[in-house]
Full PDB file with SEQRES, HELIX, SHEET, SSBOND, CRYST1, ORIGX, SCALE, CONECT and MASTER records, all heavy atoms in Angstrom:
SEQRES   1 A   43  ILE ILE ASN ALA GLN LYS ASN LEU ALA ILE PHE PHE ILE          
SEQRES   2 A   43  VAL TYR ILE LEU PHE PHE ILE ALA GLY LEU ILE GLN VAL          
SEQRES   3 A   43  CYS TYR SER LEU ARG ASN SER PHE ASN LYS LEU GLU ASP          
SEQRES   4 A   43  SER VAL ILE ALA                                              
HELIX    1 AA1 ILE A    2  ILE A   42  1                                  41    
CRYST1    1.000    1.000    1.000  90.00  90.00  90.00 P 1           1          
ORIGX1      1.000000  0.000000  0.000000        0.00000                         
ORIGX2      0.000000  1.000000  0.000000        0.00000                         
ORIGX3      0.000000  0.000000  1.000000        0.00000                         
SCALE1      1.000000  0.000000  0.000000        0.00000                         
SCALE2      0.000000  1.000000  0.000000        0.00000                         
SCALE3      0.000000  0.000000  1.000000        0.00000                         
ATOM      1  N   ILE A   1       8.272 -55.044 -76.656  1.00  0.00           N  
ATOM      2  CA  ILE A   1       7.592 -55.275 -75.378  1.00  0.00           C  
ATOM      3  C   ILE A   1       7.135 -56.725 -75.236  1.00  0.00           C  
ATOM      4  O   ILE A   1       7.152 -57.308 -74.152  1.00  0.00           O  
ATOM      5  CB  ILE A   1       6.398 -54.303 -75.209  1.00  0.00           C  
ATOM      6  CG1 ILE A   1       5.887 -54.377 -73.762  1.00  0.00           C  
ATOM      7  CG2 ILE A   1       5.271 -54.600 -76.174  1.00  0.00           C  
ATOM      8  CD1 ILE A   1       4.872 -53.325 -73.450  1.00  0.00           C  
ATOM      9  N   ILE A   2       6.745 -57.330 -76.395  1.00  0.00           N  
ATOM     10  CA  ILE A   2       6.337 -58.738 -76.341  1.00  0.00           C  
ATOM     11  C   ILE A   2       7.518 -59.621 -75.972  1.00  0.00           C  
ATOM     12  O   ILE A   2       7.406 -60.546 -75.168  1.00  0.00           O  
ATOM     13  CB  ILE A   2       5.730 -59.168 -77.687  1.00  0.00           C  
ATOM     14  CG1 ILE A   2       4.343 -58.539 -77.852  1.00  0.00           C  
ATOM     15  CG2 ILE A   2       5.625 -60.693 -77.783  1.00  0.00           C  
ATOM     16  CD1 ILE A   2       3.709 -58.801 -79.196  1.00  0.00           C  
ATOM     17  N   ASN A   3       8.682 -59.336 -76.534  1.00  0.00           N  
ATOM     18  CA  ASN A   3       9.877 -60.105 -76.179  1.00  0.00           C  
ATOM     19  C   ASN A   3      10.192 -59.985 -74.695  1.00  0.00           C  
ATOM     20  O   ASN A   3      10.530 -60.962 -74.035  1.00  0.00           O  
ATOM     21  CB  ASN A   3      11.067 -59.639 -77.014  1.00  0.00           C  
ATOM     22  CG  ASN A   3      10.944 -60.053 -78.474  1.00  0.00           C  
ATOM     23  OD1 ASN A   3      10.279 -61.043 -78.782  1.00  0.00           O  
ATOM     24  ND2 ASN A   3      11.578 -59.306 -79.375  1.00  0.00           N  
ATOM     25  N   ALA A   4      10.060 -58.756 -74.199  1.00  0.00           N  
ATOM     26  CA  ALA A   4      10.311 -58.545 -72.771  1.00  0.00           C  
ATOM     27  C   ALA A   4       9.292 -59.312 -71.929  1.00  0.00           C  
ATOM     28  O   ALA A   4       9.632 -59.922 -70.907  1.00  0.00           O  
ATOM     29  CB  ALA A   4      10.261 -57.054 -72.446  1.00  0.00           C  
ATOM     30  N   GLN A   5       8.026 -59.285 -72.389  1.00  0.00           N  
ATOM     31  CA  GLN A   5       6.986 -59.996 -71.644  1.00  0.00           C  
ATOM     32  C   GLN A   5       7.185 -61.499 -71.704  1.00  0.00           C  
ATOM     33  O   GLN A   5       6.938 -62.212 -70.728  1.00  0.00           O  
ATOM     34  CB  GLN A   5       5.613 -59.605 -72.194  1.00  0.00           C  
ATOM     35  CG  GLN A   5       5.222 -58.170 -71.870  1.00  0.00           C  
ATOM     36  CD  GLN A   5       3.994 -57.718 -72.640  1.00  0.00           C  
ATOM     37  OE1 GLN A   5       3.468 -58.440 -73.471  1.00  0.00           O  
ATOM     38  NE2 GLN A   5       3.546 -56.502 -72.359  1.00  0.00           N  
ATOM     39  N   LYS A   6       7.638 -61.997 -72.847  1.00  0.00           N  
ATOM     40  CA  LYS A   6       7.922 -63.427 -72.948  1.00  0.00           C  
ATOM     41  C   LYS A   6       9.025 -63.825 -71.975  1.00  0.00           C  
ATOM     42  O   LYS A   6       8.936 -64.845 -71.280  1.00  0.00           O  
ATOM     43  CB  LYS A   6       8.329 -63.778 -74.373  1.00  0.00           C  
ATOM     44  CG  LYS A   6       7.182 -63.787 -75.369  1.00  0.00           C  
ATOM     45  CD  LYS A   6       7.687 -64.176 -76.757  1.00  0.00           C  
ATOM     46  CE  LYS A   6       6.539 -64.222 -77.765  1.00  0.00           C  
ATOM     47  NZ  LYS A   6       7.014 -64.562 -79.124  1.00  0.00           N  
ATOM     48  N   ASN A   7      10.085 -63.025 -71.955  1.00  0.00           N  
ATOM     49  CA  ASN A   7      11.182 -63.318 -71.023  1.00  0.00           C  
ATOM     50  C   ASN A   7      10.706 -63.265 -69.579  1.00  0.00           C  
ATOM     51  O   ASN A   7      11.092 -64.098 -68.746  1.00  0.00           O  
ATOM     52  CB  ASN A   7      12.332 -62.338 -71.241  1.00  0.00           C  
ATOM     53  CG  ASN A   7      12.995 -62.522 -72.588  1.00  0.00           C  
ATOM     54  OD1 ASN A   7      12.964 -63.614 -73.163  1.00  0.00           O  
ATOM     55  ND2 ASN A   7      13.590 -61.448 -73.123  1.00  0.00           N  
ATOM     56  N   LEU A   8       9.857 -62.261 -69.301  1.00  0.00           N  
ATOM     57  CA  LEU A   8       9.325 -62.138 -67.944  1.00  0.00           C  
ATOM     58  C   LEU A   8       8.446 -63.338 -67.602  1.00  0.00           C  
ATOM     59  O   LEU A   8       8.509 -63.866 -66.481  1.00  0.00           O  
ATOM     60  CB  LEU A   8       8.520 -60.838 -67.815  1.00  0.00           C  
ATOM     61  CG  LEU A   8       7.914 -60.546 -66.428  1.00  0.00           C  
ATOM     62  CD1 LEU A   8       9.030 -60.415 -65.396  1.00  0.00           C  
ATOM     63  CD2 LEU A   8       7.063 -59.284 -66.473  1.00  0.00           C  
ATOM     64  N   ALA A   9       7.615 -63.767 -68.569  1.00  0.00           N  
ATOM     65  CA  ALA A   9       6.748 -64.921 -68.334  1.00  0.00           C  
ATOM     66  C   ALA A   9       7.573 -66.185 -68.095  1.00  0.00           C  
ATOM     67  O   ALA A   9       7.261 -66.989 -67.204  1.00  0.00           O  
ATOM     68  CB  ALA A   9       5.801 -65.115 -69.519  1.00  0.00           C  
ATOM     69  N   ILE A  10       8.626 -66.368 -68.903  1.00  0.00           N  
ATOM     70  CA  ILE A  10       9.491 -67.537 -68.718  1.00  0.00           C  
ATOM     71  C   ILE A  10      10.141 -67.504 -67.337  1.00  0.00           C  
ATOM     72  O   ILE A  10      10.185 -68.516 -66.623  1.00  0.00           O  
ATOM     73  CB  ILE A  10      10.558 -67.598 -69.822  1.00  0.00           C  
ATOM     74  CG1 ILE A  10       9.896 -67.868 -71.181  1.00  0.00           C  
ATOM     75  CG2 ILE A  10      11.610 -68.660 -69.513  1.00  0.00           C  
ATOM     76  CD1 ILE A  10      10.844 -67.762 -72.359  1.00  0.00           C  
ATOM     77  N   PHE A  11      10.637 -66.310 -66.966  1.00  0.00           N  
ATOM     78  CA  PHE A  11      11.241 -66.182 -65.638  1.00  0.00           C  
ATOM     79  C   PHE A  11      10.223 -66.488 -64.543  1.00  0.00           C  
ATOM     80  O   PHE A  11      10.528 -67.191 -63.568  1.00  0.00           O  
ATOM     81  CB  PHE A  11      11.787 -64.762 -65.468  1.00  0.00           C  
ATOM     82  CG  PHE A  11      12.269 -64.473 -64.074  1.00  0.00           C  
ATOM     83  CD1 PHE A  11      13.513 -64.917 -63.641  1.00  0.00           C  
ATOM     84  CD2 PHE A  11      11.481 -63.755 -63.181  1.00  0.00           C  
ATOM     85  CE1 PHE A  11      13.950 -64.660 -62.356  1.00  0.00           C  
ATOM     86  CE2 PHE A  11      11.906 -63.507 -61.887  1.00  0.00           C  
ATOM     87  CZ  PHE A  11      13.151 -63.952 -61.480  1.00  0.00           C  
ATOM     88  N   PHE A  12       8.997 -65.977 -64.704  1.00  0.00           N  
ATOM     89  CA  PHE A  12       7.947 -66.195 -63.707  1.00  0.00           C  
ATOM     90  C   PHE A  12       7.617 -67.680 -63.590  1.00  0.00           C  
ATOM     91  O   PHE A  12       7.502 -68.214 -62.481  1.00  0.00           O  
ATOM     92  CB  PHE A  12       6.694 -65.401 -64.107  1.00  0.00           C  
ATOM     93  CG  PHE A  12       5.556 -65.546 -63.152  1.00  0.00           C  
ATOM     94  CD1 PHE A  12       5.548 -64.875 -61.941  1.00  0.00           C  
ATOM     95  CD2 PHE A  12       4.474 -66.367 -63.471  1.00  0.00           C  
ATOM     96  CE1 PHE A  12       4.489 -65.010 -61.064  1.00  0.00           C  
ATOM     97  CE2 PHE A  12       3.415 -66.500 -62.594  1.00  0.00           C  
ATOM     98  CZ  PHE A  12       3.422 -65.822 -61.396  1.00  0.00           C  
ATOM     99  N   ILE A  13       7.490 -68.369 -64.736  1.00  0.00           N  
ATOM    100  CA  ILE A  13       7.158 -69.794 -64.720  1.00  0.00           C  
ATOM    101  C   ILE A  13       8.282 -70.606 -64.073  1.00  0.00           C  
ATOM    102  O   ILE A  13       8.041 -71.483 -63.236  1.00  0.00           O  
ATOM    103  CB  ILE A  13       6.879 -70.289 -66.146  1.00  0.00           C  
ATOM    104  CG1 ILE A  13       5.582 -69.658 -66.679  1.00  0.00           C  
ATOM    105  CG2 ILE A  13       6.771 -71.807 -66.179  1.00  0.00           C  
ATOM    106  CD1 ILE A  13       5.334 -69.939 -68.145  1.00  0.00           C  
ATOM    107  N   VAL A  14       9.524 -70.311 -64.475  1.00  0.00           N  
ATOM    108  CA  VAL A  14      10.664 -71.031 -63.891  1.00  0.00           C  
ATOM    109  C   VAL A  14      10.744 -70.786 -62.381  1.00  0.00           C  
ATOM    110  O   VAL A  14      10.971 -71.720 -61.590  1.00  0.00           O  
ATOM    111  CB  VAL A  14      11.979 -70.608 -64.583  1.00  0.00           C  
ATOM    112  CG1 VAL A  14      13.194 -71.188 -63.852  1.00  0.00           C  
ATOM    113  CG2 VAL A  14      11.973 -71.056 -66.035  1.00  0.00           C  
ATOM    114  N   TYR A  15      10.518 -69.524 -61.995  1.00  0.00           N  
ATOM    115  CA  TYR A  15      10.547 -69.195 -60.567  1.00  0.00           C  
ATOM    116  C   TYR A  15       9.474 -69.973 -59.803  1.00  0.00           C  
ATOM    117  O   TYR A  15       9.735 -70.542 -58.732  1.00  0.00           O  
ATOM    118  CB  TYR A  15      10.336 -67.689 -60.388  1.00  0.00           C  
ATOM    119  CG  TYR A  15      10.080 -67.277 -58.954  1.00  0.00           C  
ATOM    120  CD1 TYR A  15      11.116 -67.187 -58.032  1.00  0.00           C  
ATOM    121  CD2 TYR A  15       8.781 -67.002 -58.518  1.00  0.00           C  
ATOM    122  CE1 TYR A  15      10.875 -66.837 -56.723  1.00  0.00           C  
ATOM    123  CE2 TYR A  15       8.526 -66.639 -57.212  1.00  0.00           C  
ATOM    124  CZ  TYR A  15       9.574 -66.561 -56.310  1.00  0.00           C  
ATOM    125  OH  TYR A  15       9.320 -66.210 -55.014  1.00  0.00           O  
ATOM    126  N   ILE A  16       8.246 -70.014 -60.370  1.00  0.00           N  
ATOM    127  CA  ILE A  16       7.152 -70.725 -59.713  1.00  0.00           C  
ATOM    128  C   ILE A  16       7.464 -72.207 -59.613  1.00  0.00           C  
ATOM    129  O   ILE A  16       7.229 -72.851 -58.579  1.00  0.00           O  
ATOM    130  CB  ILE A  16       5.825 -70.493 -60.468  1.00  0.00           C  
ATOM    131  CG1 ILE A  16       5.380 -69.034 -60.319  1.00  0.00           C  
ATOM    132  CG2 ILE A  16       4.731 -71.420 -59.938  1.00  0.00           C  
ATOM    133  CD1 ILE A  16       5.131 -68.588 -58.894  1.00  0.00           C  
ATOM    134  N   LEU A  17       8.026 -72.787 -60.693  1.00  0.00           N  
ATOM    135  CA  LEU A  17       8.363 -74.204 -60.661  1.00  0.00           C  
ATOM    136  C   LEU A  17       9.407 -74.505 -59.596  1.00  0.00           C  
ATOM    137  O   LEU A  17       9.280 -75.486 -58.847  1.00  0.00           O  
ATOM    138  CB  LEU A  17       8.868 -74.653 -62.041  1.00  0.00           C  
ATOM    139  CG  LEU A  17       7.825 -74.680 -63.167  1.00  0.00           C  
ATOM    140  CD1 LEU A  17       8.494 -75.057 -64.490  1.00  0.00           C  
ATOM    141  CD2 LEU A  17       6.713 -75.663 -62.844  1.00  0.00           C  
ATOM    142  N   PHE A  18      10.442 -73.675 -59.534  1.00  0.00           N  
ATOM    143  CA  PHE A  18      11.455 -73.869 -58.498  1.00  0.00           C  
ATOM    144  C   PHE A  18      10.858 -73.686 -57.110  1.00  0.00           C  
ATOM    145  O   PHE A  18      11.185 -74.428 -56.174  1.00  0.00           O  
ATOM    146  CB  PHE A  18      12.626 -72.900 -58.709  1.00  0.00           C  
ATOM    147  CG  PHE A  18      13.684 -73.422 -59.630  1.00  0.00           C  
ATOM    148  CD1 PHE A  18      13.773 -72.985 -60.943  1.00  0.00           C  
ATOM    149  CD2 PHE A  18      14.593 -74.371 -59.191  1.00  0.00           C  
ATOM    150  CE1 PHE A  18      14.739 -73.471 -61.803  1.00  0.00           C  
ATOM    151  CE2 PHE A  18      15.578 -74.866 -60.030  1.00  0.00           C  
ATOM    152  CZ  PHE A  18      15.645 -74.418 -61.347  1.00  0.00           C  
ATOM    153  N   PHE A  19       9.981 -72.687 -56.977  1.00  0.00           N  
ATOM    154  CA  PHE A  19       9.369 -72.424 -55.675  1.00  0.00           C  
ATOM    155  C   PHE A  19       8.488 -73.600 -55.248  1.00  0.00           C  
ATOM    156  O   PHE A  19       8.536 -74.035 -54.085  1.00  0.00           O  
ATOM    157  CB  PHE A  19       8.535 -71.143 -55.739  1.00  0.00           C  
ATOM    158  CG  PHE A  19       8.057 -70.671 -54.394  1.00  0.00           C  
ATOM    159  CD1 PHE A  19       8.860 -69.903 -53.581  1.00  0.00           C  
ATOM    160  CD2 PHE A  19       6.800 -71.021 -53.938  1.00  0.00           C  
ATOM    161  CE1 PHE A  19       8.433 -69.481 -52.346  1.00  0.00           C  
ATOM    162  CE2 PHE A  19       6.353 -70.599 -52.703  1.00  0.00           C  
ATOM    163  CZ  PHE A  19       7.173 -69.827 -51.898  1.00  0.00           C  
ATOM    164  N   ILE A  20       7.681 -74.122 -56.194  1.00  0.00           N  
ATOM    165  CA  ILE A  20       6.830 -75.264 -55.874  1.00  0.00           C  
ATOM    166  C   ILE A  20       7.673 -76.484 -55.522  1.00  0.00           C  
ATOM    167  O   ILE A  20       7.373 -77.218 -54.579  1.00  0.00           O  
ATOM    168  CB  ILE A  20       5.882 -75.568 -57.056  1.00  0.00           C  
ATOM    169  CG1 ILE A  20       4.855 -74.443 -57.215  1.00  0.00           C  
ATOM    170  CG2 ILE A  20       5.169 -76.901 -56.858  1.00  0.00           C  
ATOM    171  CD1 ILE A  20       3.943 -74.609 -58.417  1.00  0.00           C  
ATOM    172  N   ALA A  21       8.755 -76.689 -56.293  1.00  0.00           N  
ATOM    173  CA  ALA A  21       9.645 -77.815 -55.995  1.00  0.00           C  
ATOM    174  C   ALA A  21      10.253 -77.676 -54.598  1.00  0.00           C  
ATOM    175  O   ALA A  21      10.323 -78.650 -53.834  1.00  0.00           O  
ATOM    176  CB  ALA A  21      10.749 -77.902 -57.051  1.00  0.00           C  
ATOM    177  N   GLY A  22      10.671 -76.449 -54.268  1.00  0.00           N  
ATOM    178  CA  GLY A  22      11.210 -76.214 -52.925  1.00  0.00           C  
ATOM    179  C   GLY A  22      10.169 -76.429 -51.849  1.00  0.00           C  
ATOM    180  O   GLY A  22      10.445 -77.012 -50.787  1.00  0.00           O  
ATOM    181  N   LEU A  23       8.938 -75.963 -52.117  1.00  0.00           N  
ATOM    182  CA  LEU A  23       7.854 -76.130 -51.146  1.00  0.00           C  
ATOM    183  C   LEU A  23       7.543 -77.605 -50.937  1.00  0.00           C  
ATOM    184  O   LEU A  23       7.356 -78.054 -49.799  1.00  0.00           O  
ATOM    185  CB  LEU A  23       6.603 -75.386 -51.628  1.00  0.00           C  
ATOM    186  CG  LEU A  23       5.370 -75.466 -50.721  1.00  0.00           C  
ATOM    187  CD1 LEU A  23       5.660 -74.787 -49.386  1.00  0.00           C  
ATOM    188  CD2 LEU A  23       4.164 -74.818 -51.386  1.00  0.00           C  
ATOM    189  N   ILE A  24       7.505 -78.363 -52.050  1.00  0.00           N  
ATOM    190  CA  ILE A  24       7.247 -79.799 -51.932  1.00  0.00           C  
ATOM    191  C   ILE A  24       8.357 -80.484 -51.139  1.00  0.00           C  
ATOM    192  O   ILE A  24       8.098 -81.361 -50.306  1.00  0.00           O  
ATOM    193  CB  ILE A  24       7.108 -80.423 -53.334  1.00  0.00           C  
ATOM    194  CG1 ILE A  24       5.829 -79.898 -54.017  1.00  0.00           C  
ATOM    195  CG2 ILE A  24       7.088 -81.942 -53.251  1.00  0.00           C  
ATOM    196  CD1 ILE A  24       5.683 -80.357 -55.453  1.00  0.00           C  
ATOM    197  N   GLN A  25       9.601 -80.066 -51.372  1.00  0.00           N  
ATOM    198  CA  GLN A  25      10.725 -80.647 -50.639  1.00  0.00           C  
ATOM    199  C   GLN A  25      10.608 -80.359 -49.146  1.00  0.00           C  
ATOM    200  O   GLN A  25      10.815 -81.244 -48.305  1.00  0.00           O  
ATOM    201  CB  GLN A  25      12.050 -80.097 -51.194  1.00  0.00           C  
ATOM    202  CG  GLN A  25      13.291 -80.574 -50.447  1.00  0.00           C  
ATOM    203  CD  GLN A  25      13.477 -82.070 -50.521  1.00  0.00           C  
ATOM    204  OE1 GLN A  25      13.093 -82.693 -51.497  1.00  0.00           O  
ATOM    205  NE2 GLN A  25      14.069 -82.656 -49.484  1.00  0.00           N  
ATOM    206  N   VAL A  26      10.251 -79.116 -48.808  1.00  0.00           N  
ATOM    207  CA  VAL A  26      10.091 -78.751 -47.396  1.00  0.00           C  
ATOM    208  C   VAL A  26       8.951 -79.550 -46.766  1.00  0.00           C  
ATOM    209  O   VAL A  26       9.072 -80.093 -45.656  1.00  0.00           O  
ATOM    210  CB  VAL A  26       9.837 -77.233 -47.260  1.00  0.00           C  
ATOM    211  CG1 VAL A  26       9.451 -76.884 -45.833  1.00  0.00           C  
ATOM    212  CG2 VAL A  26      11.087 -76.451 -47.671  1.00  0.00           C  
ATOM    213  N   CYS A  27       7.825 -79.621 -47.498  1.00  0.00           N  
ATOM    214  CA  CYS A  27       6.675 -80.369 -46.985  1.00  0.00           C  
ATOM    215  C   CYS A  27       7.022 -81.848 -46.826  1.00  0.00           C  
ATOM    216  O   CYS A  27       6.605 -82.489 -45.850  1.00  0.00           O  
ATOM    217  CB  CYS A  27       5.474 -80.200 -47.915  1.00  0.00           C  
ATOM    218  SG  CYS A  27       4.768 -78.541 -47.930  1.00  0.00           S  
ATOM    219  N   TYR A  28       7.790 -82.387 -47.783  1.00  0.00           N  
ATOM    220  CA  TYR A  28       8.184 -83.791 -47.704  1.00  0.00           C  
ATOM    221  C   TYR A  28       9.069 -84.030 -46.473  1.00  0.00           C  
ATOM    222  O   TYR A  28       8.889 -85.020 -45.754  1.00  0.00           O  
ATOM    223  CB  TYR A  28       8.927 -84.182 -48.976  1.00  0.00           C  
ATOM    224  CG  TYR A  28       9.384 -85.616 -49.016  1.00  0.00           C  
ATOM    225  CD1 TYR A  28       8.490 -86.646 -49.276  1.00  0.00           C  
ATOM    226  CD2 TYR A  28      10.719 -85.936 -48.780  1.00  0.00           C  
ATOM    227  CE1 TYR A  28       8.911 -87.964 -49.305  1.00  0.00           C  
ATOM    228  CE2 TYR A  28      11.148 -87.256 -48.805  1.00  0.00           C  
ATOM    229  CZ  TYR A  28      10.239 -88.267 -49.072  1.00  0.00           C  
ATOM    230  OH  TYR A  28      10.659 -89.569 -49.088  1.00  0.00           O  
ATOM    231  N   SER A  29       9.998 -83.116 -46.233  1.00  0.00           N  
ATOM    232  CA  SER A  29      10.870 -83.251 -45.060  1.00  0.00           C  
ATOM    233  C   SER A  29      10.067 -83.152 -43.771  1.00  0.00           C  
ATOM    234  O   SER A  29      10.259 -83.940 -42.831  1.00  0.00           O  
ATOM    235  CB  SER A  29      11.958 -82.169 -45.089  1.00  0.00           C  
ATOM    236  OG  SER A  29      12.766 -82.283 -46.245  1.00  0.00           O  
ATOM    237  N   LEU A  30       9.148 -82.163 -43.734  1.00  0.00           N  
ATOM    238  CA  LEU A  30       8.295 -82.030 -42.550  1.00  0.00           C  
ATOM    239  C   LEU A  30       7.445 -83.278 -42.349  1.00  0.00           C  
ATOM    240  O   LEU A  30       7.286 -83.765 -41.222  1.00  0.00           O  
ATOM    241  CB  LEU A  30       7.399 -80.797 -42.690  1.00  0.00           C  
ATOM    242  CG  LEU A  30       8.049 -79.439 -42.429  1.00  0.00           C  
ATOM    243  CD1 LEU A  30       7.088 -78.323 -42.786  1.00  0.00           C  
ATOM    244  CD2 LEU A  30       8.471 -79.311 -40.968  1.00  0.00           C  
ATOM    245  N   ARG A  31       6.903 -83.781 -43.450  1.00  0.00           N  
ATOM    246  CA  ARG A  31       6.046 -84.966 -43.357  1.00  0.00           C  
ATOM    247  C   ARG A  31       6.828 -86.152 -42.800  1.00  0.00           C  
ATOM    248  O   ARG A  31       6.348 -86.874 -41.908  1.00  0.00           O  
ATOM    249  CB  ARG A  31       5.493 -85.298 -44.738  1.00  0.00           C  
ATOM    250  CG  ARG A  31       4.689 -86.582 -44.805  1.00  0.00           C  
ATOM    251  CD  ARG A  31       4.207 -86.838 -46.226  1.00  0.00           C  
ATOM    252  NE  ARG A  31       3.529 -88.118 -46.333  1.00  0.00           N  
ATOM    253  CZ  ARG A  31       4.136 -89.279 -46.537  1.00  0.00           C  
ATOM    254  NH1 ARG A  31       5.458 -89.300 -46.643  1.00  0.00           N  
ATOM    255  NH2 ARG A  31       3.449 -90.403 -46.625  1.00  0.00           N  
ATOM    256  N   ASN A  32       8.039 -86.380 -43.324  1.00  0.00           N  
ATOM    257  CA  ASN A  32       8.841 -87.495 -42.828  1.00  0.00           C  
ATOM    258  C   ASN A  32       9.182 -87.323 -41.355  1.00  0.00           C  
ATOM    259  O   ASN A  32       9.124 -88.278 -40.575  1.00  0.00           O  
ATOM    260  CB  ASN A  32      10.128 -87.615 -43.655  1.00  0.00           C  
ATOM    261  CG  ASN A  32       9.876 -88.252 -45.010  1.00  0.00           C  
ATOM    262  OD1 ASN A  32       8.817 -88.823 -45.245  1.00  0.00           O  
ATOM    263  ND2 ASN A  32      10.834 -88.141 -45.902  1.00  0.00           N  
ATOM    264  N   SER A  33       9.531 -86.083 -40.977  1.00  0.00           N  
ATOM    265  CA  SER A  33       9.876 -85.833 -39.573  1.00  0.00           C  
ATOM    266  C   SER A  33       8.660 -86.044 -38.680  1.00  0.00           C  
ATOM    267  O   SER A  33       8.762 -86.652 -37.609  1.00  0.00           O  
ATOM    268  CB  SER A  33      10.408 -84.401 -39.424  1.00  0.00           C  
ATOM    269  OG  SER A  33      11.593 -84.219 -40.179  1.00  0.00           O  
ATOM    270  N   PHE A  34       7.513 -85.542 -39.122  1.00  0.00           N  
ATOM    271  CA  PHE A  34       6.281 -85.736 -38.349  1.00  0.00           C  
ATOM    272  C   PHE A  34       5.947 -87.220 -38.219  1.00  0.00           C  
ATOM    273  O   PHE A  34       5.563 -87.695 -37.146  1.00  0.00           O  
ATOM    274  CB  PHE A  34       5.120 -84.991 -39.008  1.00  0.00           C  
ATOM    275  CG  PHE A  34       4.903 -83.612 -38.470  1.00  0.00           C  
ATOM    276  CD1 PHE A  34       5.116 -82.503 -39.268  1.00  0.00           C  
ATOM    277  CD2 PHE A  34       4.476 -83.407 -37.164  1.00  0.00           C  
ATOM    278  CE1 PHE A  34       4.928 -81.217 -38.781  1.00  0.00           C  
ATOM    279  CE2 PHE A  34       4.284 -82.137 -36.677  1.00  0.00           C  
ATOM    280  CZ  PHE A  34       4.503 -81.030 -37.474  1.00  0.00           C  
ATOM    281  N   ASN A  35       6.070 -87.966 -39.330  1.00  0.00           N  
ATOM    282  CA  ASN A  35       5.738 -89.388 -39.312  1.00  0.00           C  
ATOM    283  C   ASN A  35       6.663 -90.168 -38.381  1.00  0.00           C  
ATOM    284  O   ASN A  35       6.214 -91.057 -37.643  1.00  0.00           O  
ATOM    285  CB  ASN A  35       5.811 -89.969 -40.723  1.00  0.00           C  
ATOM    286  CG  ASN A  35       4.655 -89.513 -41.591  1.00  0.00           C  
ATOM    287  OD1 ASN A  35       3.651 -89.012 -41.075  1.00  0.00           O  
ATOM    288  ND2 ASN A  35       4.775 -89.665 -42.890  1.00  0.00           N  
ATOM    289  N   LYS A  36       7.957 -89.850 -38.423  1.00  0.00           N  
ATOM    290  CA  LYS A  36       8.899 -90.525 -37.523  1.00  0.00           C  
ATOM    291  C   LYS A  36       8.567 -90.211 -36.071  1.00  0.00           C  
ATOM    292  O   LYS A  36       8.572 -91.102 -35.206  1.00  0.00           O  
ATOM    293  CB  LYS A  36      10.331 -90.090 -37.841  1.00  0.00           C  
ATOM    294  CG  LYS A  36      10.871 -90.646 -39.154  1.00  0.00           C  
ATOM    295  CD  LYS A  36      12.304 -90.182 -39.397  1.00  0.00           C  
ATOM    296  CE  LYS A  36      12.840 -90.730 -40.715  1.00  0.00           C  
ATOM    297  NZ  LYS A  36      14.224 -90.267 -40.978  1.00  0.00           N  
ATOM    298  N   LEU A  37       8.268 -88.921 -35.811  1.00  0.00           N  
ATOM    299  CA  LEU A  37       7.915 -88.535 -34.446  1.00  0.00           C  
ATOM    300  C   LEU A  37       6.625 -89.214 -34.018  1.00  0.00           C  
ATOM    301  O   LEU A  37       6.503 -89.695 -32.883  1.00  0.00           O  
ATOM    302  CB  LEU A  37       7.777 -87.007 -34.363  1.00  0.00           C  
ATOM    303  CG  LEU A  37       7.439 -86.428 -32.983  1.00  0.00           C  
ATOM    304  CD1 LEU A  37       8.512 -86.799 -31.971  1.00  0.00           C  
ATOM    305  CD2 LEU A  37       7.308 -84.908 -33.075  1.00  0.00           C  
ATOM    306  N   GLU A  38       5.661 -89.283 -34.938  1.00  0.00           N  
ATOM    307  CA  GLU A  38       4.385 -89.925 -34.623  1.00  0.00           C  
ATOM    308  C   GLU A  38       4.583 -91.400 -34.316  1.00  0.00           C  
ATOM    309  O   GLU A  38       4.015 -91.927 -33.348  1.00  0.00           O  
ATOM    310  CB  GLU A  38       3.411 -89.750 -35.794  1.00  0.00           C  
ATOM    311  CG  GLU A  38       2.050 -90.378 -35.549  1.00  0.00           C  
ATOM    312  CD  GLU A  38       1.158 -90.317 -36.770  1.00  0.00           C  
ATOM    313  OE1 GLU A  38       1.674 -90.483 -37.887  1.00  0.00           O  
ATOM    314  OE2 GLU A  38      -0.052 -90.115 -36.605  1.00  0.00           O  
ATOM    315  N   ASP A  39       5.378 -92.089 -35.133  1.00  0.00           N  
ATOM    316  CA  ASP A  39       5.638 -93.514 -34.899  1.00  0.00           C  
ATOM    317  C   ASP A  39       6.292 -93.726 -33.529  1.00  0.00           C  
ATOM    318  O   ASP A  39       5.951 -94.681 -32.809  1.00  0.00           O  
ATOM    319  CB  ASP A  39       6.535 -94.071 -36.002  1.00  0.00           C  
ATOM    320  CG  ASP A  39       5.842 -94.091 -37.361  1.00  0.00           C  
ATOM    321  OD1 ASP A  39       4.594 -94.046 -37.377  1.00  0.00           O  
ATOM    322  OD2 ASP A  39       6.542 -94.124 -38.392  1.00  0.00           O  
ATOM    323  N   SER A  40       7.218 -92.836 -33.185  1.00  0.00           N  
ATOM    324  CA  SER A  40       7.894 -92.963 -31.884  1.00  0.00           C  
ATOM    325  C   SER A  40       6.913 -92.741 -30.744  1.00  0.00           C  
ATOM    326  O   SER A  40       6.904 -93.487 -29.755  1.00  0.00           O  
ATOM    327  CB  SER A  40       9.053 -91.966 -31.791  1.00  0.00           C  
ATOM    328  OG  SER A  40      10.024 -92.196 -32.798  1.00  0.00           O  
ATOM    329  N   VAL A  41       6.067 -91.717 -30.871  1.00  0.00           N  
ATOM    330  CA  VAL A  41       5.097 -91.417 -29.809  1.00  0.00           C  
ATOM    331  C   VAL A  41       4.089 -92.553 -29.667  1.00  0.00           C  
ATOM    332  O   VAL A  41       3.707 -92.929 -28.553  1.00  0.00           O  
ATOM    333  CB  VAL A  41       4.373 -90.084 -30.108  1.00  0.00           C  
ATOM    334  CG1 VAL A  41       3.226 -89.865 -29.138  1.00  0.00           C  
ATOM    335  CG2 VAL A  41       5.354 -88.920 -30.011  1.00  0.00           C  
ATOM    336  N   ILE A  42       3.643 -93.126 -30.800  1.00  0.00           N  
ATOM    337  CA  ILE A  42       2.705 -94.258 -30.745  1.00  0.00           C  
ATOM    338  C   ILE A  42       3.356 -95.451 -30.049  1.00  0.00           C  
ATOM    339  O   ILE A  42       2.719 -96.142 -29.238  1.00  0.00           O  
ATOM    340  CB  ILE A  42       2.243 -94.629 -32.163  1.00  0.00           C  
ATOM    341  CG1 ILE A  42       1.328 -93.533 -32.722  1.00  0.00           C  
ATOM    342  CG2 ILE A  42       1.505 -95.961 -32.154  1.00  0.00           C  
ATOM    343  CD1 ILE A  42       0.917 -93.757 -34.159  1.00  0.00           C  
ATOM    344  N   ALA A  43       4.638 -95.699 -30.363  1.00  0.00           N  
ATOM    345  CA  ALA A  43       5.351 -96.798 -29.713  1.00  0.00           C  
ATOM    346  C   ALA A  43       5.437 -96.572 -28.202  1.00  0.00           C  
ATOM    347  O   ALA A  43       5.240 -97.506 -27.410  1.00  0.00           O  
ATOM    348  CB  ALA A  43       6.750 -96.949 -30.316  1.00  0.00           C  
TER     349      ALA A  43                                                      
MASTER        0    0    0    1    0    0    0    6  348    1    0    4          
END                                                                             
């Protein structure tokens, strides 16, 4: 059961890391798009 839990924990950690990386990528894309739109509107 410990081996199974270790594998599950590793899977959970890897999943969270990928999810956070994806979330950061989405937020970064949104941020860049918002900033470009903001710069255009200010101009």
